[in-house]
Amino acid sequence: MRRSVVFHILLLCQCWTWAHSEADSEAPQTVDQGLQAEIQGVEINQAESTRETNDTVDLWAELKELRDMTIELKTDLKHYLSRIEVLEEEKLGLEVKISSIEKEMEGIKRENAELENTLNIVKSEVETLKSKNMALEARMTTNEKEVEEIRREYEDQPKVVFSTALTSGYFGPFNTDVTLKFSKVFINFGQGYNPSTGFFTAPVKGIYYFRYTLLEKRKDMSLGIHLFHNGNHVMGSFEVSDGSHESISNAIILQLEQGDEVYMNLLYNHGLYDDGNNYTTFSGFLLFPL
């Protein structure tokens, strides 16, 4: 645009120069040639100026396009920068959450480790209890077998027991020893005691327990008995009257063969007493057979 204006100014100046040069007759041809040359130069310059003007127009169009693109890029850049800031904040929030979650996970891992430790302890205790339970079951099985064996032995073992009391009233004194016949029979399992004779006869060989309790209420009467095994004196009990009633008790364990006899004799000049309270008794039983 500037070159076109300059071109027109130069053209006017040249025309003014031509007007003042017409009086100069010494070099008309030279002026004409120079003018033609200048006109050609101007035309060339004008062509170049037109070309340059077109180039300038294209350049400005490109620059405008670049400017628009730059503005658009700035707008996009601002948007992306804003978005990046939001993403950075979200990232920071996520990092905080991740850190918190990692701490929770560490806590959970510690709790799991403690639980595993506790679980291992419980498992060990359970195994110990199982072992003890198995041992107890084994012992129980053994005990049950032993109890069963004892039960079978007990079932197979003969049962012998008797319990008796003297007839109600006073008994004695006599001028000789008298065998006591306990006629009140409370129990006589095995039928070892004979109330008619006063004799206990062992039904099987074994160890036997015998016990007696005697009473005398007469103030001037002493108390005395002997216990015999197959006619042999094995134990005696005595109580001399002191003006009141007397009582005695005693017991003995004997080994008897099958058929052996045990009985009690009241000593001569001694007495006994009994009534519904069963003060005077004689009893025994088999502890175990042999």
Protein backbone atom coordinates (compact mmCIF):
# COMPACT_ATOMS: atom_id res chain seq x y z
CA MET A 1 0.00 0.00 0.00
CA ARG A 2 2.86 2.36 0.89
CA ARG A 3 4.74 1.51 -2.28
CA SER A 4 1.70 2.47 -4.44
CA VAL A 5 1.53 5.93 -2.82
CA VAL A 6 5.24 6.46 -3.31
CA PHE A 7 4.89 5.43 -6.93
CA HIS A 8 2.23 8.10 -7.62
CA ILE A 9 4.27 10.80 -5.90
CA LEU A 10 7.32 9.93 -7.95
CA LEU A 11 5.20 10.01 -11.11
CA LEU A 12 3.94 13.55 -10.35
CA CYS A 13 7.44 14.76 -9.61
CA GLN A 14 8.65 13.35 -12.87
CA CYS A 15 5.89 15.05 -14.87
CA TRP A 16 6.77 18.34 -13.24
CA THR A 17 10.41 17.76 -14.22
CA TRP A 18 9.35 17.06 -17.79
CA ALA A 19 7.40 20.31 -17.98
CA HIS A 20 10.40 22.38 -16.99
CA SER A 21 12.68 20.47 -19.29
CA GLU A 22 10.75 21.18 -22.52
CA ALA A 23 12.60 24.53 -23.01
CA ASP A 24 15.84 22.75 -22.95
CA SER A 25 16.45 21.96 -26.63
CA GLU A 26 19.87 20.62 -26.27
CA ALA A 27 18.87 17.07 -25.36
CA PRO A 28 15.28 16.26 -26.37
CA GLN A 29 16.11 12.71 -27.39
CA THR A 30 17.82 11.98 -24.14
CA VAL A 31 14.81 13.22 -22.18
CA ASP A 32 12.45 11.04 -24.13
CA GLN A 33 14.61 7.97 -23.65
CA GLY A 34 15.01 8.69 -20.00
CA LEU A 35 11.30 9.21 -19.62
CA GLN A 36 10.54 5.92 -21.30
CA ALA A 37 13.06 4.16 -19.15
CA GLU A 38 11.57 5.66 -16.03
CA ILE A 39 8.06 4.76 -17.23
CA GLN A 40 9.21 1.19 -17.73
CA GLY A 41 10.86 1.23 -14.35
CA VAL A 42 7.70 2.56 -12.78
CA GLU A 43 5.65 -0.11 -14.53
CA ILE A 44 8.07 -2.76 -13.34
CA ASN A 45 7.97 -1.31 -9.85
CA GLN A 46 4.17 -1.15 -10.00
CA ALA A 47 4.02 -4.83 -11.04
CA GLU A 48 6.38 -5.73 -8.27
CA SER A 49 4.36 -3.58 -5.87
CA THR A 50 1.15 -5.33 -6.94
CA ARG A 51 2.78 -8.68 -6.43
CA GLU A 52 4.14 -7.61 -3.09
CA THR A 53 0.71 -6.19 -2.16
CA ASN A 54 -0.90 -9.53 -2.95
CA ASP A 55 1.78 -11.25 -0.96
CA THR A 56 1.15 -8.85 1.92
CA VAL A 57 -2.59 -9.50 1.75
CA ASP A 58 -1.96 -13.27 1.90
CA LEU A 59 0.47 -12.77 4.78
CA TRP A 60 -2.05 -10.74 6.76
CA ALA A 61 -4.69 -13.37 6.14
CA GLU A 62 -2.32 -16.00 7.41
CA LEU A 63 -1.36 -13.84 10.37
CA LYS A 64 -5.05 -13.33 11.20
CA GLU A 65 -5.63 -17.02 10.93
CA LEU A 66 -2.64 -17.64 13.16
CA ARG A 67 -3.93 -15.02 15.59
CA ASP A 68 -7.34 -16.67 15.69
CA MET A 69 -5.70 -20.03 16.17
CA THR A 70 -3.54 -18.55 18.93
CA ILE A 71 -6.58 -17.10 20.67
CA GLU A 72 -8.35 -20.41 20.34
CA LEU A 73 -5.29 -22.25 21.64
CA LYS A 74 -5.05 -19.83 24.57
CA THR A 75 -8.71 -20.47 25.35
CA ASP A 76 -8.19 -24.21 25.13
CA LEU A 77 -4.98 -23.92 27.15
CA LYS A 78 -6.81 -21.98 29.87
CA HIS A 79 -9.53 -24.62 29.91
CA TYR A 80 -6.99 -27.43 30.12
CA LEU A 81 -5.00 -25.63 32.81
CA SER A 82 -8.21 -25.23 34.83
CA ARG A 83 -8.99 -28.88 34.27
CA ILE A 84 -5.43 -29.79 35.31
CA GLU A 85 -5.86 -27.83 38.52
CA VAL A 86 -9.09 -29.71 39.23
CA LEU A 87 -7.35 -33.00 38.47
CA GLU A 88 -4.45 -32.03 40.72
CA GLU A 89 -6.89 -31.35 43.55
CA GLU A 90 -8.64 -34.64 42.88
CA LYS A 91 -5.23 -36.35 42.78
CA LEU A 92 -4.32 -34.79 46.11
CA GLY A 93 -7.65 -35.95 47.58
CA LEU A 94 -7.07 -39.44 46.19
CA GLU A 95 -3.55 -39.49 47.62
CA VAL A 96 -4.97 -38.55 51.04
CA LYS A 97 -7.58 -41.30 50.73
CA ILE A 98 -4.95 -43.78 49.56
CA SER A 99 -2.75 -42.86 52.53
CA SER A 100 -5.70 -43.31 54.88
CA ILE A 101 -6.61 -46.63 53.26
CA GLU A 102 -2.99 -47.77 53.49
CA LYS A 103 -2.98 -46.93 57.20
CA GLU A 104 -6.25 -48.84 57.64
CA MET A 105 -4.76 -51.74 55.72
CA GLU A 106 -1.71 -51.71 57.99
CA GLY A 107 -4.04 -51.74 60.99
CA ILE A 108 -6.04 -54.58 59.46
CA LYS A 109 -2.81 -56.48 58.76
CA ARG A 110 -1.74 -56.05 62.38
CA GLU A 111 -5.18 -57.17 63.57
CA ASN A 112 -5.02 -60.13 61.21
CA ALA A 113 -1.56 -61.00 62.54
CA GLU A 114 -2.87 -60.81 66.10
CA LEU A 115 -5.93 -62.85 65.13
CA GLU A 116 -3.73 -65.42 63.42
CA ASN A 117 -1.56 -65.58 66.52
CA THR A 118 -4.64 -65.96 68.71
CA LEU A 119 -6.05 -68.52 66.29
CA ASN A 120 -2.81 -70.49 66.43
CA ILE A 121 -2.94 -70.41 70.22
CA VAL A 122 -6.58 -71.53 70.17
CA LYS A 123 -5.74 -74.28 67.67
CA SER A 124 -2.90 -75.42 69.92
CA GLU A 125 -5.21 -75.41 72.94
CA VAL A 126 -7.86 -77.26 70.95
CA GLU A 127 -5.29 -79.86 69.92
CA THR A 128 -4.19 -80.16 73.54
CA LEU A 129 -7.81 -80.52 74.65
CA LYS A 130 -8.37 -83.10 71.92
CA SER A 131 -5.35 -85.04 73.14
CA LYS A 132 -6.55 -84.80 76.73
CA ASN A 133 -10.05 -85.79 75.64
CA MET A 134 -8.67 -88.77 73.76
CA ALA A 135 -6.66 -89.73 76.82
CA LEU A 136 -9.75 -89.31 79.00
CA GLU A 137 -11.82 -91.34 76.57
CA ALA A 138 -9.16 -94.03 76.62
CA ARG A 139 -9.14 -93.95 80.42
CA MET A 140 -12.93 -93.97 80.49
CA THR A 141 -12.94 -96.92 78.13
CA THR A 142 -10.44 -98.66 80.36
CA ASN A 143 -12.42 -97.75 83.46
CA GLU A 144 -15.63 -98.89 81.82
CA LYS A 145 -13.96 -102.18 80.99
CA GLU A 146 -12.70 -102.46 84.55
CA VAL A 147 -16.12 -101.56 85.93
CA GLU A 148 -17.69 -104.11 83.60
CA GLU A 149 -15.22 -106.73 84.75
CA ILE A 150 -15.93 -105.80 88.39
CA ARG A 151 -19.64 -105.87 87.69
CA ARG A 152 -19.35 -109.29 86.09
CA GLU A 153 -17.20 -110.49 88.97
CA TYR A 154 -19.69 -109.02 91.41
CA GLU A 155 -22.56 -110.65 89.58
CA ASP A 156 -20.71 -113.92 89.62
CA GLN A 157 -19.66 -113.44 93.23
CA PRO A 158 -21.92 -115.11 95.79
CA LYS A 159 -23.95 -112.72 97.95
CA VAL A 160 -23.99 -113.57 101.62
CA VAL A 161 -25.37 -111.25 104.32
CA PHE A 162 -27.51 -111.65 107.40
CA SER A 163 -28.89 -109.36 110.12
CA THR A 164 -30.80 -110.60 113.21
CA ALA A 165 -32.05 -109.56 116.65
CA LEU A 166 -32.84 -111.43 119.90
CA THR A 167 -36.41 -112.32 120.96
CA SER A 168 -38.02 -109.59 123.06
CA GLY A 169 -37.64 -109.90 126.86
CA TYR A 170 -35.03 -111.00 129.36
CA PHE A 171 -32.67 -113.89 128.54
CA GLY A 172 -30.71 -115.72 131.30
CA PRO A 173 -29.09 -116.23 133.62
CA PHE A 174 -28.31 -119.90 133.15
CA ASN A 175 -26.06 -122.29 135.08
CA THR A 176 -24.17 -123.14 131.90
CA ASP A 177 -23.12 -121.43 128.65
CA VAL A 178 -26.03 -121.23 126.18
CA THR A 179 -25.91 -120.66 122.40
CA LEU A 180 -27.81 -117.50 121.47
CA LYS A 181 -30.56 -117.96 118.89
CA PHE A 182 -31.43 -114.67 117.22
CA SER A 183 -34.95 -115.35 116.08
CA LYS A 184 -35.74 -111.94 114.53
CA VAL A 185 -34.30 -112.22 111.02
CA PHE A 186 -34.18 -108.94 109.07
CA ILE A 187 -32.18 -110.25 106.13
CA ASN A 188 -30.62 -113.63 105.36
CA PHE A 189 -29.32 -113.44 101.79
CA GLY A 190 -27.60 -116.67 100.91
CA GLN A 191 -29.38 -118.45 103.77
CA GLY A 192 -26.16 -118.66 105.80
CA TYR A 193 -27.77 -118.05 109.20
CA ASN A 194 -30.05 -120.63 110.89
CA PRO A 195 -32.32 -118.96 113.53
CA SER A 196 -33.30 -122.40 114.88
CA THR A 197 -29.74 -123.29 115.89
CA GLY A 198 -28.14 -119.82 116.11
CA PHE A 199 -25.34 -121.00 113.80
CA PHE A 200 -24.00 -119.18 110.71
CA THR A 201 -22.65 -121.66 108.15
CA ALA A 202 -20.35 -120.26 105.40
CA PRO A 203 -21.85 -121.10 101.97
CA VAL A 204 -18.53 -120.36 100.19
CA LYS A 205 -14.88 -119.96 101.09
CA GLY A 206 -14.04 -116.32 101.71
CA ILE A 207 -13.40 -113.44 104.06
CA TYR A 208 -16.35 -112.59 106.35
CA TYR A 209 -17.19 -109.71 108.64
CA PHE A 210 -19.20 -110.27 111.89
CA ARG A 211 -20.57 -107.75 114.38
CA TYR A 212 -22.74 -107.87 117.52
CA THR A 213 -24.34 -105.41 119.96
CA LEU A 214 -25.74 -106.57 123.34
CA LEU A 215 -27.75 -104.95 126.17
CA GLU A 216 -28.65 -105.87 129.78
CA LYS A 217 -31.09 -103.64 131.72
CA ARG A 218 -31.14 -105.47 135.08
CA LYS A 219 -29.09 -103.56 137.64
CA ASP A 220 -27.66 -106.63 139.39
CA MET A 221 -26.94 -108.65 136.22
CA SER A 222 -23.58 -108.70 134.38
CA LEU A 223 -23.18 -109.11 130.64
CA GLY A 224 -20.78 -111.52 128.90
CA ILE A 225 -20.54 -113.53 125.64
CA HIS A 226 -18.08 -115.65 123.65
CA LEU A 227 -17.89 -115.92 119.82
CA PHE A 228 -16.83 -119.29 118.39
CA HIS A 229 -15.50 -120.48 115.04
CA ASN A 230 -15.99 -124.22 114.52
CA GLY A 231 -16.16 -124.65 118.32
CA ASN A 232 -13.03 -122.57 118.91
CA HIS A 233 -13.29 -119.44 121.04
CA VAL A 234 -12.10 -116.46 118.98
CA MET A 235 -13.47 -113.39 120.82
CA GLY A 236 -15.26 -112.44 124.04
CA SER A 237 -16.92 -109.33 125.53
CA PHE A 238 -17.79 -108.63 129.18
CA GLU A 239 -19.50 -105.88 131.18
CA VAL A 240 -19.85 -106.10 135.00
CA SER A 241 -22.99 -104.58 136.51
CA ASP A 242 -22.50 -101.25 138.28
CA GLY A 243 -26.10 -100.81 139.37
CA SER A 244 -27.23 -99.58 135.93
CA HIS A 245 -27.80 -101.10 132.48
CA GLU A 246 -24.82 -102.40 130.50
CA SER A 247 -24.16 -102.62 126.74
CA ILE A 248 -21.27 -103.91 124.63
CA SER A 249 -20.40 -103.98 120.90
CA ASN A 250 -17.61 -105.66 119.00
CA ALA A 251 -16.68 -106.91 115.51
CA ILE A 252 -14.28 -109.35 113.86
CA ILE A 253 -13.16 -110.44 110.37
CA LEU A 254 -12.63 -114.17 109.78
CA GLN A 255 -11.45 -116.33 106.92
CA LEU A 256 -13.90 -119.19 106.55
CA GLU A 257 -13.90 -122.33 104.52
CA GLN A 258 -17.14 -123.49 102.95
CA GLY A 259 -19.18 -125.18 105.73
CA ASP A 260 -17.40 -123.44 108.64
CA GLU A 261 -19.69 -122.41 111.52
CA VAL A 262 -19.78 -119.22 113.60
CA TYR A 263 -22.02 -118.70 116.66
CA MET A 264 -22.28 -116.87 120.01
CA ASN A 265 -22.70 -118.25 123.55
CA LEU A 266 -24.07 -116.39 126.56
CA LEU A 267 -21.85 -117.13 129.60
CA TYR A 268 -23.44 -118.79 132.57
CA ASN A 269 -24.75 -116.45 135.33
CA HIS A 270 -24.99 -113.60 132.75
CA GLY A 271 -28.07 -112.13 131.12
CA LEU A 272 -29.39 -110.17 128.09
CA TYR A 273 -32.32 -107.98 127.24
CA ASP A 274 -34.09 -106.96 124.03
CA ASP A 275 -37.40 -105.43 122.92
CA GLY A 276 -38.90 -103.77 119.87
CA ASN A 277 -35.97 -101.35 119.74
CA ASN A 278 -33.67 -104.28 118.81
CA TYR A 279 -30.85 -103.47 121.25
CA THR A 280 -29.29 -106.97 120.97
CA THR A 281 -28.27 -107.85 117.40
CA PHE A 282 -25.97 -110.19 115.46
CA SER A 283 -25.02 -109.62 111.80
CA GLY A 284 -22.40 -110.49 109.19
CA PHE A 285 -21.61 -110.62 105.50
CA LEU A 286 -19.15 -111.92 102.92
CA LEU A 287 -16.48 -109.36 102.03
CA PHE A 288 -15.14 -111.37 99.08
CA PRO A 289 -14.82 -115.01 98.13
CA LEU A 290 -11.49 -116.85 97.89
